[in-house]
Amino acid sequence: MKGLKILLIGIVIFTFSSGILAQTSKKKKRPRVVKTTTVSTTPTTTQTASNTTLTDTEISGGLKEALFNGVKFAVDTLGKENGFLNDTRVKIPLPSSLQKMEKALRIAGQGKMVDDFVASMNHAAEKAVPVAIDVFMDSIKQMTFNDVRNILFSGQDDSATQFFRRTSEETLRGKFRPIVEKFTNEVGVTQKYKNMIGKYGFVGQLFGKDATDLDGYVTQKALDGTFFMVAEQEKKIRKDPIGTGSAILKKVFGAIFK
């Protein structure tokens, strides 16, 4: 009997021990493997034809500074008094259809009226140009790095100006025109002309759209002059980046266009 008790006790102890061991074995977990990802902090770079390595930030910054300089140059040049009138490259002439009458008017002693009319159109344009700064700056801010690369490596010396024209021209038109209209409405000679066209519409039809929609004509010429001046500055920067005095322009344009 005593031996049976000992045997039973042994079985209980063995069973209990086996259960504990089994539970311990189940609780054992394999070591957790933590996957780590290494994030590269090295900036993306571009190798130029002159073997100069430039970061994306440098390339983008260089172009945007060039664009800002081009816009500022155009606005400062054209937005001052007689900015259009005294520069034959951007001076706004009479609409082509009215030019046919110019000689006859001068012969008839109406030369001053013609000169005043031309001056009025040009002064209207110079009043409109300064609003271009904000529009161009918005365009620059929205520029992607792909835009930057396409502009810099397009092989065209006015590709940045073309970008502006694509992205900003219609917005600028909407801002230029009200200023042009206000000015031409306030100046005697253009005001009288617009009143005449409004009263005798058939007269304008004889001379075409430019003569009928004088404000539209001046607005387009103001846009053309603005983009012309931006392009002129862009060409100068590409040709002589060192002359700009800007370290970043010197590095970016100097490396790319060597």
C-alpha atoms as a PDB file:
ATOM      1  CA  MET A   1       0.000   0.000   0.000  1.00  0.00           C
ATOM      2  CA  LYS A   2       2.775   2.310   0.950  1.00  0.00           C
ATOM      3  CA  GLY A   3       4.523   1.514  -2.332  1.00  0.00           C
ATOM      4  CA  LEU A   4       1.344   2.341  -4.241  1.00  0.00           C
ATOM      5  CA  LYS A   5       1.160   5.757  -2.572  1.00  0.00           C
ATOM      6  CA  ILE A   6       4.744   6.491  -3.462  1.00  0.00           C
ATOM      7  CA  LEU A   7       4.081   5.442  -7.064  1.00  0.00           C
ATOM      8  CA  LEU A   8       0.988   7.668  -7.268  1.00  0.00           C
ATOM      9  CA  ILE A   9       2.859  10.594  -5.787  1.00  0.00           C
ATOM     10  CA  GLY A  10       5.648  10.053  -8.344  1.00  0.00           C
ATOM     11  CA  ILE A  11       3.158   9.959 -11.213  1.00  0.00           C
ATOM     12  CA  VAL A  12       1.497  13.175 -10.011  1.00  0.00           C
ATOM     13  CA  ILE A  13       4.854  14.918  -9.643  1.00  0.00           C
ATOM     14  CA  PHE A  14       5.990  13.728 -13.082  1.00  0.00           C
ATOM     15  CA  THR A  15       2.723  14.811 -14.719  1.00  0.00           C
ATOM     16  CA  PHE A  16       2.773  18.190 -13.007  1.00  0.00           C
ATOM     17  CA  SER A  17       6.405  18.716 -13.978  1.00  0.00           C
ATOM     18  CA  SER A  18       5.746  17.702 -17.550  1.00  0.00           C
ATOM     19  CA  GLY A  19       2.848  20.199 -17.756  1.00  0.00           C
ATOM     20  CA  ILE A  20       5.001  23.017 -16.464  1.00  0.00           C
ATOM     21  CA  LEU A  21       7.769  22.145 -18.911  1.00  0.00           C
ATOM     22  CA  ALA A  22       5.288  22.020 -21.767  1.00  0.00           C
ATOM     23  CA  GLN A  23       3.828  25.402 -20.853  1.00  0.00           C
ATOM     24  CA  THR A  24       7.299  26.891 -20.514  1.00  0.00           C
ATOM     25  CA  SER A  25       8.213  25.472 -23.891  1.00  0.00           C
ATOM     26  CA  LYS A  26       5.097  27.018 -25.454  1.00  0.00           C
ATOM     27  CA  LYS A  27       5.824  30.404 -23.930  1.00  0.00           C
ATOM     28  CA  LYS A  28       9.306  30.470 -25.347  1.00  0.00           C
ATOM     29  CA  LYS A  29       9.406  32.792 -28.334  1.00  0.00           C
ATOM     30  CA  ARG A  30      11.898  33.017 -31.054  1.00  0.00           C
ATOM     31  CA  PRO A  31      14.020  36.167 -30.965  1.00  0.00           C
ATOM     32  CA  ARG A  32      12.272  39.039 -32.790  1.00  0.00           C
ATOM     33  CA  VAL A  33      14.080  40.197 -35.858  1.00  0.00           C
ATOM     34  CA  VAL A  34      13.769  43.942 -36.398  1.00  0.00           C
ATOM     35  CA  LYS A  35      14.242  45.091 -39.931  1.00  0.00           C
ATOM     36  CA  THR A  36      15.886  48.447 -40.224  1.00  0.00           C
ATOM     37  CA  THR A  37      15.721  50.753 -43.210  1.00  0.00           C
ATOM     38  CA  THR A  38      18.560  53.127 -43.879  1.00  0.00           C
ATOM     39  CA  VAL A  39      17.370  56.469 -45.224  1.00  0.00           C
ATOM     40  CA  SER A  40      19.885  58.166 -47.404  1.00  0.00           C
ATOM     41  CA  THR A  41      20.407  61.839 -46.618  1.00  0.00           C
ATOM     42  CA  THR A  42      22.647  62.357 -49.601  1.00  0.00           C
ATOM     43  CA  PRO A  43      21.097  64.984 -51.930  1.00  0.00           C
ATOM     44  CA  THR A  44      20.363  64.020 -55.522  1.00  0.00           C
ATOM     45  CA  THR A  45      23.017  65.343 -57.815  1.00  0.00           C
ATOM     46  CA  THR A  46      23.504  66.019 -61.517  1.00  0.00           C
ATOM     47  CA  GLN A  47      26.750  65.671 -63.412  1.00  0.00           C
ATOM     48  CA  THR A  48      27.170  68.485 -65.922  1.00  0.00           C
ATOM     49  CA  ALA A  49      29.047  68.458 -69.203  1.00  0.00           C
ATOM     50  CA  SER A  50      31.926  70.263 -67.489  1.00  0.00           C
ATOM     51  CA  ASN A  51      32.121  67.440 -64.881  1.00  0.00           C
ATOM     52  CA  THR A  52      30.795  69.699 -62.144  1.00  0.00           C
ATOM     53  CA  THR A  53      28.450  68.001 -59.683  1.00  0.00           C
ATOM     54  CA  LEU A  54      25.414  70.078 -58.734  1.00  0.00           C
ATOM     55  CA  THR A  55      22.659  69.230 -56.270  1.00  0.00           C
ATOM     56  CA  ASP A  56      19.006  69.502 -57.266  1.00  0.00           C
ATOM     57  CA  THR A  57      18.642  72.355 -54.793  1.00  0.00           C
ATOM     58  CA  GLU A  58      21.498  74.274 -56.394  1.00  0.00           C
ATOM     59  CA  ILE A  59      20.145  73.776 -59.901  1.00  0.00           C
ATOM     60  CA  SER A  60      16.609  74.761 -58.922  1.00  0.00           C
ATOM     61  CA  GLY A  61      17.802  77.738 -56.878  1.00  0.00           C
ATOM     62  CA  GLY A  62      20.023  78.970 -59.697  1.00  0.00           C
ATOM     63  CA  LEU A  63      17.252  78.934 -62.264  1.00  0.00           C
ATOM     64  CA  LYS A  64      14.691  80.540 -59.979  1.00  0.00           C
ATOM     65  CA  GLU A  65      17.098  83.334 -59.131  1.00  0.00           C
ATOM     66  CA  ALA A  66      17.718  83.865 -62.844  1.00  0.00           C
ATOM     67  CA  LEU A  67      13.991  84.058 -63.489  1.00  0.00           C
ATOM     68  CA  PHE A  68      13.454  86.523 -60.688  1.00  0.00           C
ATOM     69  CA  ASN A  69      16.293  88.694 -62.009  1.00  0.00           C
ATOM     70  CA  GLY A  70      14.811  88.594 -65.499  1.00  0.00           C
ATOM     71  CA  VAL A  71      11.378  89.627 -64.267  1.00  0.00           C
ATOM     72  CA  LYS A  72      12.770  92.411 -62.089  1.00  0.00           C
ATOM     73  CA  PHE A  73      14.829  93.707 -64.995  1.00  0.00           C
ATOM     74  CA  ALA A  74      11.809  93.748 -67.307  1.00  0.00           C
ATOM     75  CA  VAL A  75       9.565  95.480 -64.783  1.00  0.00           C
ATOM     76  CA  ASP A  76      12.170  98.030 -63.725  1.00  0.00           C
ATOM     77  CA  THR A  77      12.985  98.844 -67.338  1.00  0.00           C
ATOM     78  CA  LEU A  78       9.485  99.019 -68.784  1.00  0.00           C
ATOM     79  CA  GLY A  79       7.593 100.219 -65.718  1.00  0.00           C
ATOM     80  CA  LYS A  80       9.447 103.512 -65.471  1.00  0.00           C
ATOM     81  CA  GLU A  81       8.371 106.686 -67.261  1.00  0.00           C
ATOM     82  CA  ASN A  82       8.768 106.329 -71.030  1.00  0.00           C
ATOM     83  CA  GLY A  83       9.968 102.742 -70.545  1.00  0.00           C
ATOM     84  CA  PHE A  84       8.162 101.673 -73.710  1.00  0.00           C
ATOM     85  CA  LEU A  85       8.127 104.954 -75.577  1.00  0.00           C
ATOM     86  CA  ASN A  86      11.912 105.511 -75.523  1.00  0.00           C
ATOM     87  CA  ASP A  87      12.913 101.966 -76.498  1.00  0.00           C
ATOM     88  CA  THR A  88      12.385 101.257 -80.196  1.00  0.00           C
ATOM     89  CA  ARG A  89      12.481  97.491 -79.543  1.00  0.00           C
ATOM     90  CA  VAL A  90       9.267  97.595 -77.519  1.00  0.00           C
ATOM     91  CA  LYS A  91       7.686 100.934 -78.466  1.00  0.00           C
ATOM     92  CA  ILE A  92       4.015 100.470 -79.320  1.00  0.00           C
ATOM     93  CA  PRO A  93       3.180 101.963 -82.722  1.00  0.00           C
ATOM     94  CA  LEU A  94      -0.221 102.787 -84.122  1.00  0.00           C
ATOM     95  CA  PRO A  95      -2.198  99.675 -85.090  1.00  0.00           C
ATOM     96  CA  SER A  96      -1.087  98.696 -88.600  1.00  0.00           C
ATOM     97  CA  SER A  97      -4.456  99.589 -90.091  1.00  0.00           C
ATOM     98  CA  LEU A  98      -4.235 103.130 -88.668  1.00  0.00           C
ATOM     99  CA  GLN A  99      -0.655 103.586 -89.839  1.00  0.00           C
ATOM    100  CA  LYS A 100      -2.044 103.987 -93.340  1.00  0.00           C
ATOM    101  CA  MET A 101      -3.667 107.226 -92.156  1.00  0.00           C
ATOM    102  CA  GLU A 102      -0.673 108.513 -90.198  1.00  0.00           C
ATOM    103  CA  LYS A 103       1.135 110.141 -93.131  1.00  0.00           C
ATOM    104  CA  ALA A 104      -2.022 111.886 -94.300  1.00  0.00           C
ATOM    105  CA  LEU A 105      -2.720 113.174 -90.791  1.00  0.00           C
ATOM    106  CA  ARG A 106       0.783 114.576 -90.454  1.00  0.00           C
ATOM    107  CA  ILE A 107       0.527 116.279 -93.832  1.00  0.00           C
ATOM    108  CA  ALA A 108      -2.769 117.751 -92.651  1.00  0.00           C
ATOM    109  CA  GLY A 109      -1.018 119.265 -89.616  1.00  0.00           C
ATOM    110  CA  GLN A 110      -2.251 116.667 -87.147  1.00  0.00           C
ATOM    111  CA  GLY A 111       1.212 115.346 -86.247  1.00  0.00           C
ATOM    112  CA  LYS A 112       0.904 116.296 -82.562  1.00  0.00           C
ATOM    113  CA  MET A 113      -2.356 114.406 -82.270  1.00  0.00           C
ATOM    114  CA  VAL A 114      -0.700 111.295 -83.729  1.00  0.00           C
ATOM    115  CA  ASP A 115       2.264 111.635 -81.343  1.00  0.00           C
ATOM    116  CA  ASP A 116      -0.039 112.092 -78.363  1.00  0.00           C
ATOM    117  CA  PHE A 117      -2.029 109.031 -79.392  1.00  0.00           C
ATOM    118  CA  VAL A 118       1.125 106.889 -79.605  1.00  0.00           C
ATOM    119  CA  ALA A 119       2.428 108.262 -76.302  1.00  0.00           C
ATOM    120  CA  SER A 120      -0.879 107.471 -74.611  1.00  0.00           C
ATOM    121  CA  MET A 121      -0.733 103.823 -75.675  1.00  0.00           C
ATOM    122  CA  ASN A 122       2.845 103.460 -74.467  1.00  0.00           C
ATOM    123  CA  HIS A 123       2.164 105.118 -71.127  1.00  0.00           C
ATOM    124  CA  ALA A 124      -0.808 102.806 -70.617  1.00  0.00           C
ATOM    125  CA  ALA A 125       1.510  99.827 -71.116  1.00  0.00           C
ATOM    126  CA  GLU A 126       4.103 101.122 -68.667  1.00  0.00           C
ATOM    127  CA  LYS A 127       1.400 101.563 -66.019  1.00  0.00           C
ATOM    128  CA  ALA A 128       0.335  97.928 -66.414  1.00  0.00           C
ATOM    129  CA  VAL A 129       3.730  96.208 -66.278  1.00  0.00           C
ATOM    130  CA  PRO A 130       4.488  96.394 -62.503  1.00  0.00           C
ATOM    131  CA  VAL A 131       1.657  93.966 -61.635  1.00  0.00           C
ATOM    132  CA  ALA A 132       3.634  91.254 -63.468  1.00  0.00           C
ATOM    133  CA  ILE A 133       5.943  90.738 -60.478  1.00  0.00           C
ATOM    134  CA  ASP A 134       3.408  88.871 -58.336  1.00  0.00           C
ATOM    135  CA  VAL A 135       2.158  86.750 -61.233  1.00  0.00           C
ATOM    136  CA  PHE A 136       5.671  85.712 -62.219  1.00  0.00           C
ATOM    137  CA  MET A 137       6.620  84.938 -58.628  1.00  0.00           C
ATOM    138  CA  ASP A 138       3.614  82.617 -58.302  1.00  0.00           C
ATOM    139  CA  SER A 139       4.732  80.859 -61.450  1.00  0.00           C
ATOM    140  CA  ILE A 140       8.257  80.439 -60.055  1.00  0.00           C
ATOM    141  CA  LYS A 141       6.963  78.986 -56.777  1.00  0.00           C
ATOM    142  CA  GLN A 142       4.881  76.377 -58.615  1.00  0.00           C
ATOM    143  CA  MET A 143       7.800  75.283 -60.781  1.00  0.00           C
ATOM    144  CA  THR A 144       8.751  71.606 -60.375  1.00  0.00           C
ATOM    145  CA  PHE A 145      12.272  70.218 -60.631  1.00  0.00           C
ATOM    146  CA  ASN A 146      11.324  68.610 -63.955  1.00  0.00           C
ATOM    147  CA  ASP A 147      10.410  72.083 -65.209  1.00  0.00           C
ATOM    148  CA  VAL A 148      13.805  73.306 -64.045  1.00  0.00           C
ATOM    149  CA  ARG A 149      15.693  70.537 -65.844  1.00  0.00           C
ATOM    150  CA  ASN A 150      13.691  70.981 -69.048  1.00  0.00           C
ATOM    151  CA  ILE A 151      14.438  74.699 -69.063  1.00  0.00           C
ATOM    152  CA  LEU A 152      18.145  74.378 -68.315  1.00  0.00           C
ATOM    153  CA  PHE A 153      18.886  71.542 -70.716  1.00  0.00           C
ATOM    154  CA  SER A 154      16.555  72.482 -73.561  1.00  0.00           C
ATOM    155  CA  GLY A 155      19.316  74.055 -75.628  1.00  0.00           C
ATOM    156  CA  GLN A 156      17.269  77.240 -76.107  1.00  0.00           C
ATOM    157  CA  ASP A 157      18.485  80.546 -74.724  1.00  0.00           C
ATOM    158  CA  ASP A 158      14.981  81.777 -73.874  1.00  0.00           C
ATOM    159  CA  SER A 159      13.387  78.554 -72.592  1.00  0.00           C
ATOM    160  CA  ALA A 160      12.707  80.067 -69.162  1.00  0.00           C
ATOM    161  CA  THR A 161      10.888  82.968 -70.811  1.00  0.00           C
ATOM    162  CA  GLN A 162       8.859  80.494 -72.863  1.00  0.00           C
ATOM    163  CA  PHE A 163       7.902  78.747 -69.620  1.00  0.00           C
ATOM    164  CA  PHE A 164       6.653  82.063 -68.244  1.00  0.00           C
ATOM    165  CA  ARG A 165       4.688  82.721 -71.385  1.00  0.00           C
ATOM    166  CA  ARG A 166       2.970  79.323 -71.191  1.00  0.00           C
ATOM    167  CA  THR A 167       2.138  79.563 -67.507  1.00  0.00           C
ATOM    168  CA  SER A 168       1.495  83.284 -67.008  1.00  0.00           C
ATOM    169  CA  GLU A 169       0.426  85.072 -70.186  1.00  0.00           C
ATOM    170  CA  GLU A 170      -3.335  84.731 -69.785  1.00  0.00           C
ATOM    171  CA  THR A 171      -3.208  85.673 -66.104  1.00  0.00           C
ATOM    172  CA  LEU A 172      -1.130  88.727 -66.991  1.00  0.00           C
ATOM    173  CA  ARG A 173      -3.543  89.645 -69.747  1.00  0.00           C
ATOM    174  CA  GLY A 174      -6.380  89.665 -67.231  1.00  0.00           C
ATOM    175  CA  LYS A 175      -4.402  91.966 -64.932  1.00  0.00           C
ATOM    176  CA  PHE A 176      -2.919  94.248 -67.600  1.00  0.00           C
ATOM    177  CA  ARG A 177      -6.108  95.041 -69.479  1.00  0.00           C
ATOM    178  CA  PRO A 178      -8.091  96.824 -66.698  1.00  0.00           C
ATOM    179  CA  ILE A 179      -5.082  99.090 -66.075  1.00  0.00           C
ATOM    180  CA  VAL A 180      -4.731  99.838 -69.790  1.00  0.00           C
ATOM    181  CA  GLU A 181      -8.455 100.564 -70.109  1.00  0.00           C
ATOM    182  CA  LYS A 182      -8.437 102.912 -67.137  1.00  0.00           C
ATOM    183  CA  PHE A 183      -5.491 104.885 -68.497  1.00  0.00           C
ATOM    184  CA  THR A 184      -6.742 105.188 -72.094  1.00  0.00           C
ATOM    185  CA  ASN A 185     -10.158 106.259 -70.782  1.00  0.00           C
ATOM    186  CA  GLU A 186      -8.551 109.105 -68.844  1.00  0.00           C
ATOM    187  CA  VAL A 187      -6.255 110.473 -71.561  1.00  0.00           C
ATOM    188  CA  GLY A 188      -7.901 112.877 -74.010  1.00  0.00           C
ATOM    189  CA  VAL A 189      -6.771 111.612 -77.395  1.00  0.00           C
ATOM    190  CA  THR A 190      -7.372 107.876 -76.801  1.00  0.00           C
ATOM    191  CA  GLN A 191     -10.568 108.620 -74.915  1.00  0.00           C
ATOM    192  CA  LYS A 192     -11.947 110.577 -77.857  1.00  0.00           C
ATOM    193  CA  TYR A 193     -10.872 107.863 -80.270  1.00  0.00           C
ATOM    194  CA  LYS A 194     -12.585 105.125 -78.224  1.00  0.00           C
ATOM    195  CA  ASN A 195     -15.722 107.233 -77.946  1.00  0.00           C
ATOM    196  CA  MET A 196     -15.749 107.703 -81.713  1.00  0.00           C
ATOM    197  CA  ILE A 197     -15.334 103.965 -82.327  1.00  0.00           C
ATOM    198  CA  GLY A 198     -18.139 103.291 -79.867  1.00  0.00           C
ATOM    199  CA  LYS A 199     -20.429 105.774 -81.573  1.00  0.00           C
ATOM    200  CA  TYR A 200     -19.537 105.006 -85.163  1.00  0.00           C
ATOM    201  CA  GLY A 201     -18.740 101.302 -85.068  1.00  0.00           C
ATOM    202  CA  PHE A 202     -18.655 100.998 -88.846  1.00  0.00           C
ATOM    203  CA  VAL A 203     -15.535 103.226 -88.877  1.00  0.00           C
ATOM    204  CA  GLY A 204     -13.618 100.727 -86.735  1.00  0.00           C
ATOM    205  CA  GLN A 205     -14.740  97.837 -88.889  1.00  0.00           C
ATOM    206  CA  LEU A 206     -13.017  99.479 -91.834  1.00  0.00           C
ATOM    207  CA  PHE A 207      -9.677  99.352 -90.001  1.00  0.00           C
ATOM    208  CA  GLY A 208      -9.840  95.894 -88.379  1.00  0.00           C
ATOM    209  CA  LYS A 209      -9.809  94.444 -84.867  1.00  0.00           C
ATOM    210  CA  ASP A 210      -6.656  96.212 -83.603  1.00  0.00           C
ATOM    211  CA  ALA A 211      -8.200  99.579 -84.397  1.00  0.00           C
ATOM    212  CA  THR A 212     -11.570  98.616 -82.917  1.00  0.00           C
ATOM    213  CA  ASP A 213     -10.256  97.034 -79.715  1.00  0.00           C
ATOM    214  CA  LEU A 214      -7.518  99.510 -78.854  1.00  0.00           C
ATOM    215  CA  ASP A 215      -7.183  98.246 -75.257  1.00  0.00           C
ATOM    216  CA  GLY A 216      -6.745  94.675 -76.445  1.00  0.00           C
ATOM    217  CA  TYR A 217      -4.060  95.819 -78.873  1.00  0.00           C
ATOM    218  CA  VAL A 218      -2.125  97.772 -76.222  1.00  0.00           C
ATOM    219  CA  THR A 219      -2.440  94.922 -73.720  1.00  0.00           C
ATOM    220  CA  GLN A 220      -0.948  92.413 -76.165  1.00  0.00           C
ATOM    221  CA  LYS A 221       1.888  94.775 -77.038  1.00  0.00           C
ATOM    222  CA  ALA A 222       2.584  95.323 -73.334  1.00  0.00           C
ATOM    223  CA  LEU A 223       2.785  91.537 -72.853  1.00  0.00           C
ATOM    224  CA  ASP A 224       5.073  91.146 -75.854  1.00  0.00           C
ATOM    225  CA  GLY A 225       7.382  93.863 -74.563  1.00  0.00           C
ATOM    226  CA  THR A 226       7.504  92.344 -71.085  1.00  0.00           C
ATOM    227  CA  PHE A 227       8.418  88.866 -72.323  1.00  0.00           C
ATOM    228  CA  PHE A 228      10.933  90.365 -74.729  1.00  0.00           C
ATOM    229  CA  MET A 229      12.752  92.065 -71.856  1.00  0.00           C
ATOM    230  CA  VAL A 230      12.662  88.933 -69.680  1.00  0.00           C
ATOM    231  CA  ALA A 231      14.203  86.980 -72.573  1.00  0.00           C
ATOM    232  CA  GLU A 232      16.916  89.593 -73.071  1.00  0.00           C
ATOM    233  CA  GLN A 233      17.971  89.286 -69.459  1.00  0.00           C
ATOM    234  CA  GLU A 234      17.859  85.493 -69.577  1.00  0.00           C
ATOM    235  CA  LYS A 235      20.205  85.494 -72.573  1.00  0.00           C
ATOM    236  CA  LYS A 236      22.654  87.776 -70.757  1.00  0.00           C
ATOM    237  CA  ILE A 237      22.701  85.530 -67.698  1.00  0.00           C
ATOM    238  CA  ARG A 238      23.310  82.398 -69.758  1.00  0.00           C
ATOM    239  CA  LYS A 239      26.073  84.107 -71.719  1.00  0.00           C
ATOM    240  CA  ASP A 240      27.825  85.752 -68.780  1.00  0.00           C
ATOM    241  CA  PRO A 241      26.760  84.242 -65.409  1.00  0.00           C
ATOM    242  CA  ILE A 242      29.891  85.637 -63.751  1.00  0.00           C
ATOM    243  CA  GLY A 243      28.780  89.152 -64.637  1.00  0.00           C
ATOM    244  CA  THR A 244      25.634  88.753 -62.516  1.00  0.00           C
ATOM    245  CA  GLY A 245      27.672  88.852 -59.303  1.00  0.00           C
ATOM    246  CA  SER A 246      25.608  85.951 -57.917  1.00  0.00           C
ATOM    247  CA  ALA A 247      27.544  82.959 -56.560  1.00  0.00           C
ATOM    248  CA  ILE A 248      24.734  80.472 -57.198  1.00  0.00           C
ATOM    249  CA  LEU A 249      24.086  81.692 -60.754  1.00  0.00           C
ATOM    250  CA  LYS A 250      27.801  81.630 -61.423  1.00  0.00           C
ATOM    251  CA  LYS A 251      28.044  78.007 -60.276  1.00  0.00           C
ATOM    252  CA  VAL A 252      24.914  76.672 -61.971  1.00  0.00           C
ATOM    253  CA  PHE A 253      24.966  78.510 -65.308  1.00  0.00           C
ATOM    254  CA  GLY A 254      28.766  78.533 -65.440  1.00  0.00           C
ATOM    255  CA  ALA A 255      28.875  74.744 -65.067  1.00  0.00           C
ATOM    256  CA  ILE A 256      26.046  73.949 -67.456  1.00  0.00           C
ATOM    257  CA  PHE A 257      26.902  76.330 -70.265  1.00  0.00           C
ATOM    258  CA  LYS A 258      30.700  76.124 -70.285  1.00  0.00           C
END
